Amino acid sequence: MARAEIIGKDAARAAALASIAEAERKFTQNLDALVRDIDDHIKALTPVNTGQAVRNYIWSVGQPNGIVYDAIDNGPPGPTNSMSLGSEPRRGPNEAAAARSLGTLGLAVNPFTVIYLTNLSPDIEGLELGLLPGPPLRSRSPSGMFGITAAYFNSLIASKGMLR
């Protein structure tokens, strides 16, 4: 009976495992960058008055966040409706507090877990729908934040993939 032997099978196996490990490393790195970019993008579109809406962008793993956080009051909000997005006085500390949830994701440990971004601020729905603030003031994000962010990043992923 003829017998076939694969020469170099251990080297081929090692090369395959190294290739899989490299793809997983790249995926984890790109996923981390994607989550941070989504976080920056959605917050940049969110108008800030009290700071509560931007303070409640919370990232979590395994299950959505169920806590509503109070805004960090670092002084008067100022005439936010006449300010450009990003220049509001209460934006910085509230964005920074929300950004701490990024550190809880542990993507390097398991990049294949379910990741949630939640916002339970009482005003988030009105802001997303462009209904807030009400008259006589005008909405500073009339097209919302979530829909624009989701469409933008879904198109990027579709065109570039996750392993580039």
C-alpha atoms as a PDB file:
ATOM      1  CA  MET A   1       0.000   0.000   0.000  1.00  0.00           C
ATOM      2  CA  ALA A   2       1.328   3.408  -0.967  1.00  0.00           C
ATOM      3  CA  ARG A   3       1.811   5.935   1.747  1.00  0.00           C
ATOM      4  CA  ALA A   4       1.826   9.702   1.291  1.00  0.00           C
ATOM      5  CA  GLU A   5       3.539  11.988   3.716  1.00  0.00           C
ATOM      6  CA  ILE A   6       3.198  15.724   3.883  1.00  0.00           C
ATOM      7  CA  ILE A   7       6.603  17.237   4.330  1.00  0.00           C
ATOM      8  CA  GLY A   8       6.714  20.496   6.211  1.00  0.00           C
ATOM      9  CA  LYS A   9       3.234  20.156   7.689  1.00  0.00           C
ATOM     10  CA  ASP A  10       4.396  21.607  11.022  1.00  0.00           C
ATOM     11  CA  ALA A  11       5.839  24.632   9.253  1.00  0.00           C
ATOM     12  CA  ALA A  12       2.648  25.035   7.203  1.00  0.00           C
ATOM     13  CA  ARG A  13       0.529  24.787  10.356  1.00  0.00           C
ATOM     14  CA  ALA A  14       2.699  27.344  12.143  1.00  0.00           C
ATOM     15  CA  ALA A  15       2.470  29.700   9.155  1.00  0.00           C
ATOM     16  CA  ALA A  16      -1.324  29.327   9.048  1.00  0.00           C
ATOM     17  CA  LEU A  17      -1.641  30.020  12.775  1.00  0.00           C
ATOM     18  CA  ALA A  18       0.617  33.055  12.467  1.00  0.00           C
ATOM     19  CA  SER A  19      -1.500  34.342   9.583  1.00  0.00           C
ATOM     20  CA  ILE A  20      -4.693  33.905  11.619  1.00  0.00           C
ATOM     21  CA  ALA A  21      -3.115  35.655  14.614  1.00  0.00           C
ATOM     22  CA  GLU A  22      -2.038  38.567  12.392  1.00  0.00           C
ATOM     23  CA  ALA A  23      -5.541  38.887  10.888  1.00  0.00           C
ATOM     24  CA  GLU A  24      -7.043  38.877  14.393  1.00  0.00           C
ATOM     25  CA  ARG A  25      -4.528  41.502  15.561  1.00  0.00           C
ATOM     26  CA  LYS A  26      -5.347  43.693  12.568  1.00  0.00           C
ATOM     27  CA  PHE A  27      -9.080  43.235  13.103  1.00  0.00           C
ATOM     28  CA  THR A  28      -8.769  44.174  16.785  1.00  0.00           C
ATOM     29  CA  GLN A  29      -6.694  47.241  15.955  1.00  0.00           C
ATOM     30  CA  ASN A  30      -9.161  48.353  13.267  1.00  0.00           C
ATOM     31  CA  LEU A  31     -12.172  47.682  15.496  1.00  0.00           C
ATOM     32  CA  ASP A  32     -10.660  49.779  18.272  1.00  0.00           C
ATOM     33  CA  ALA A  33      -9.992  52.615  15.812  1.00  0.00           C
ATOM     34  CA  LEU A  34     -13.507  52.292  14.391  1.00  0.00           C
ATOM     35  CA  VAL A  35     -15.153  52.483  17.828  1.00  0.00           C
ATOM     36  CA  ARG A  36     -13.083  55.556  18.735  1.00  0.00           C
ATOM     37  CA  ASP A  37     -13.921  57.210  15.406  1.00  0.00           C
ATOM     38  CA  ILE A  38     -17.638  56.498  15.898  1.00  0.00           C
ATOM     39  CA  ASP A  39     -17.412  57.951  19.402  1.00  0.00           C
ATOM     40  CA  ASP A  40     -15.740  61.136  18.134  1.00  0.00           C
ATOM     41  CA  HIS A  41     -18.117  61.472  15.180  1.00  0.00           C
ATOM     42  CA  ILE A  42     -21.397  61.072  17.067  1.00  0.00           C
ATOM     43  CA  LYS A  43     -20.329  63.404  19.863  1.00  0.00           C
ATOM     44  CA  ALA A  44     -19.231  66.064  17.372  1.00  0.00           C
ATOM     45  CA  LEU A  45     -22.751  66.046  15.878  1.00  0.00           C
ATOM     46  CA  THR A  46     -24.459  66.296  19.263  1.00  0.00           C
ATOM     47  CA  PRO A  47     -25.496  69.765  20.426  1.00  0.00           C
ATOM     48  CA  VAL A  48     -24.574  70.548  24.028  1.00  0.00           C
ATOM     49  CA  ASN A  49     -26.554  72.754  26.381  1.00  0.00           C
ATOM     50  CA  THR A  50     -26.595  71.116  29.808  1.00  0.00           C
ATOM     51  CA  GLY A  51     -24.174  68.391  28.681  1.00  0.00           C
ATOM     52  CA  GLN A  52     -26.421  65.480  29.630  1.00  0.00           C
ATOM     53  CA  ALA A  53     -26.943  64.210  26.074  1.00  0.00           C
ATOM     54  CA  VAL A  54     -23.244  64.005  25.296  1.00  0.00           C
ATOM     55  CA  ARG A  55     -22.469  62.688  28.815  1.00  0.00           C
ATOM     56  CA  ASN A  56     -24.707  59.668  28.231  1.00  0.00           C
ATOM     57  CA  TYR A  57     -22.921  58.162  25.220  1.00  0.00           C
ATOM     58  CA  ILE A  58     -21.853  55.012  27.026  1.00  0.00           C
ATOM     59  CA  TRP A  59     -20.010  52.068  25.470  1.00  0.00           C
ATOM     60  CA  SER A  60     -20.445  48.613  26.984  1.00  0.00           C
ATOM     61  CA  VAL A  61     -19.839  44.954  26.215  1.00  0.00           C
ATOM     62  CA  GLY A  62     -22.346  42.119  26.496  1.00  0.00           C
ATOM     63  CA  GLN A  63     -25.354  44.235  27.422  1.00  0.00           C
ATOM     64  CA  PRO A  64     -26.491  47.817  26.904  1.00  0.00           C
ATOM     65  CA  ASN A  65     -25.916  50.419  29.593  1.00  0.00           C
ATOM     66  CA  GLY A  66     -28.979  50.987  31.768  1.00  0.00           C
ATOM     67  CA  ILE A  67     -27.900  54.057  33.740  1.00  0.00           C
ATOM     68  CA  VAL A  68     -28.746  57.701  33.064  1.00  0.00           C
ATOM     69  CA  TYR A  69     -25.885  59.983  34.076  1.00  0.00           C
ATOM     70  CA  ASP A  70     -26.323  63.568  35.222  1.00  0.00           C
ATOM     71  CA  ALA A  71     -24.441  66.221  33.310  1.00  0.00           C
ATOM     72  CA  ILE A  72     -21.284  67.624  34.814  1.00  0.00           C
ATOM     73  CA  ASP A  73     -22.091  71.217  35.691  1.00  0.00           C
ATOM     74  CA  ASN A  74     -18.956  73.255  35.091  1.00  0.00           C
ATOM     75  CA  GLY A  75     -20.655  76.621  34.961  1.00  0.00           C
ATOM     76  CA  PRO A  76     -23.286  78.364  32.874  1.00  0.00           C
ATOM     77  CA  PRO A  77     -23.967  76.765  29.474  1.00  0.00           C
ATOM     78  CA  GLY A  78     -23.877  80.126  27.716  1.00  0.00           C
ATOM     79  CA  PRO A  79     -25.894  81.025  24.613  1.00  0.00           C
ATOM     80  CA  THR A  80     -25.387  77.556  23.120  1.00  0.00           C
ATOM     81  CA  ASN A  81     -27.938  77.989  20.350  1.00  0.00           C
ATOM     82  CA  SER A  82     -25.797  80.701  18.787  1.00  0.00           C
ATOM     83  CA  MET A  83     -22.527  78.769  19.225  1.00  0.00           C
ATOM     84  CA  SER A  84     -21.020  76.399  16.721  1.00  0.00           C
ATOM     85  CA  LEU A  85     -21.054  72.707  17.611  1.00  0.00           C
ATOM     86  CA  GLY A  86     -17.942  71.919  19.595  1.00  0.00           C
ATOM     87  CA  SER A  87     -17.525  75.304  21.237  1.00  0.00           C
ATOM     88  CA  GLU A  88     -20.102  74.873  24.003  1.00  0.00           C
ATOM     89  CA  PRO A  89     -18.703  75.425  27.535  1.00  0.00           C
ATOM     90  CA  ARG A  90     -20.114  72.199  28.976  1.00  0.00           C
ATOM     91  CA  ARG A  91     -18.971  69.930  26.146  1.00  0.00           C
ATOM     92  CA  GLY A  92     -15.423  69.112  27.323  1.00  0.00           C
ATOM     93  CA  PRO A  93     -15.992  67.627  30.776  1.00  0.00           C
ATOM     94  CA  ASN A  94     -19.127  65.754  29.710  1.00  0.00           C
ATOM     95  CA  GLU A  95     -17.476  64.264  26.615  1.00  0.00           C
ATOM     96  CA  ALA A  96     -14.455  63.253  28.688  1.00  0.00           C
ATOM     97  CA  ALA A  97     -16.628  61.560  31.316  1.00  0.00           C
ATOM     98  CA  ALA A  98     -18.499  59.601  28.644  1.00  0.00           C
ATOM     99  CA  ALA A  99     -15.239  58.658  26.891  1.00  0.00           C
ATOM    100  CA  ARG A 100     -14.086  56.760  29.981  1.00  0.00           C
ATOM    101  CA  SER A 101     -16.512  53.999  28.992  1.00  0.00           C
ATOM    102  CA  LEU A 102     -14.273  53.268  25.983  1.00  0.00           C
ATOM    103  CA  GLY A 103     -11.683  51.904  28.395  1.00  0.00           C
ATOM    104  CA  THR A 104     -14.098  49.237  29.612  1.00  0.00           C
ATOM    105  CA  LEU A 105     -14.490  47.535  26.242  1.00  0.00           C
ATOM    106  CA  GLY A 106     -11.440  45.258  26.431  1.00  0.00           C
ATOM    107  CA  LEU A 107     -11.310  44.777  22.661  1.00  0.00           C
ATOM    108  CA  ALA A 108      -7.782  43.438  22.824  1.00  0.00           C
ATOM    109  CA  VAL A 109      -9.029  40.579  24.981  1.00  0.00           C
ATOM    110  CA  ASN A 110     -12.001  39.581  22.814  1.00  0.00           C
ATOM    111  CA  PRO A 111     -12.616  41.547  19.613  1.00  0.00           C
ATOM    112  CA  PHE A 112     -15.540  39.265  18.680  1.00  0.00           C
ATOM    113  CA  THR A 113     -17.898  40.321  21.443  1.00  0.00           C
ATOM    114  CA  VAL A 114     -21.073  42.394  21.123  1.00  0.00           C
ATOM    115  CA  ILE A 115     -20.408  46.102  21.690  1.00  0.00           C
ATOM    116  CA  TYR A 116     -23.160  48.568  22.545  1.00  0.00           C
ATOM    117  CA  LEU A 117     -23.349  52.339  22.363  1.00  0.00           C
ATOM    118  CA  THR A 118     -26.301  53.602  24.367  1.00  0.00           C
ATOM    119  CA  ASN A 119     -27.630  57.011  25.267  1.00  0.00           C
ATOM    120  CA  LEU A 120     -30.447  57.179  27.806  1.00  0.00           C
ATOM    121  CA  SER A 121     -30.517  60.961  28.143  1.00  0.00           C
ATOM    122  CA  PRO A 122     -34.121  62.160  28.323  1.00  0.00           C
ATOM    123  CA  ASP A 123     -33.455  64.621  25.466  1.00  0.00           C
ATOM    124  CA  ILE A 124     -31.630  62.304  23.066  1.00  0.00           C
ATOM    125  CA  GLU A 125     -34.706  61.311  21.062  1.00  0.00           C
ATOM    126  CA  GLY A 126     -35.761  64.943  20.562  1.00  0.00           C
ATOM    127  CA  LEU A 127     -32.207  65.857  19.528  1.00  0.00           C
ATOM    128  CA  GLU A 128     -32.022  62.903  17.113  1.00  0.00           C
ATOM    129  CA  LEU A 129     -35.320  63.916  15.499  1.00  0.00           C
ATOM    130  CA  GLY A 130     -34.231  67.567  15.238  1.00  0.00           C
ATOM    131  CA  LEU A 131     -37.049  68.675  17.538  1.00  0.00           C
ATOM    132  CA  LEU A 132     -34.887  70.215  20.265  1.00  0.00           C
ATOM    133  CA  PRO A 133     -34.461  72.881  21.276  1.00  0.00           C
ATOM    134  CA  GLY A 134     -37.985  74.066  20.633  1.00  0.00           C
ATOM    135  CA  PRO A 135     -39.007  77.443  19.220  1.00  0.00           C
ATOM    136  CA  PRO A 136     -37.946  80.168  19.220  1.00  0.00           C
ATOM    137  CA  LEU A 137     -34.557  78.436  19.123  1.00  0.00           C
ATOM    138  CA  ARG A 138     -33.469  76.268  16.211  1.00  0.00           C
ATOM    139  CA  SER A 139     -32.093  72.744  16.101  1.00  0.00           C
ATOM    140  CA  ARG A 140     -28.334  72.675  15.624  1.00  0.00           C
ATOM    141  CA  SER A 141     -28.375  69.047  14.491  1.00  0.00           C
ATOM    142  CA  PRO A 142     -31.593  68.799  12.467  1.00  0.00           C
ATOM    143  CA  SER A 143     -30.582  65.550  10.773  1.00  0.00           C
ATOM    144  CA  GLY A 144     -29.783  63.840  14.059  1.00  0.00           C
ATOM    145  CA  MET A 145     -26.619  62.114  15.151  1.00  0.00           C
ATOM    146  CA  PHE A 146     -27.166  58.335  15.220  1.00  0.00           C
ATOM    147  CA  GLY A 147     -28.545  57.962  11.697  1.00  0.00           C
ATOM    148  CA  ILE A 148     -25.842  60.089  10.113  1.00  0.00           C
ATOM    149  CA  THR A 149     -23.101  58.306  12.059  1.00  0.00           C
ATOM    150  CA  ALA A 150     -24.446  54.817  11.262  1.00  0.00           C
ATOM    151  CA  ALA A 151     -24.797  55.567   7.549  1.00  0.00           C
ATOM    152  CA  TYR A 152     -21.317  57.083   7.335  1.00  0.00           C
ATOM    153  CA  PHE A 153     -19.500  54.240   9.087  1.00  0.00           C
ATOM    154  CA  ASN A 154     -21.534  51.485   7.419  1.00  0.00           C
ATOM    155  CA  SER A 155     -20.495  52.891   4.038  1.00  0.00           C
ATOM    156  CA  LEU A 156     -16.841  53.020   5.140  1.00  0.00           C
ATOM    157  CA  ILE A 157     -16.909  49.403   6.310  1.00  0.00           C
ATOM    158  CA  ALA A 158     -18.686  48.276   3.140  1.00  0.00           C
ATOM    159  CA  SER A 159     -16.109  49.985   0.921  1.00  0.00           C
ATOM    160  CA  LYS A 160     -12.925  49.262   2.876  1.00  0.00           C
ATOM    161  CA  GLY A 161     -13.653  46.232   5.052  1.00  0.00           C
ATOM    162  CA  MET A 162     -12.268  45.703   8.550  1.00  0.00           C
ATOM    163  CA  LEU A 163      -8.828  44.251   7.797  1.00  0.00           C
ATOM    164  CA  ARG A 164      -7.238  47.090   5.853  1.00  0.00           C
END
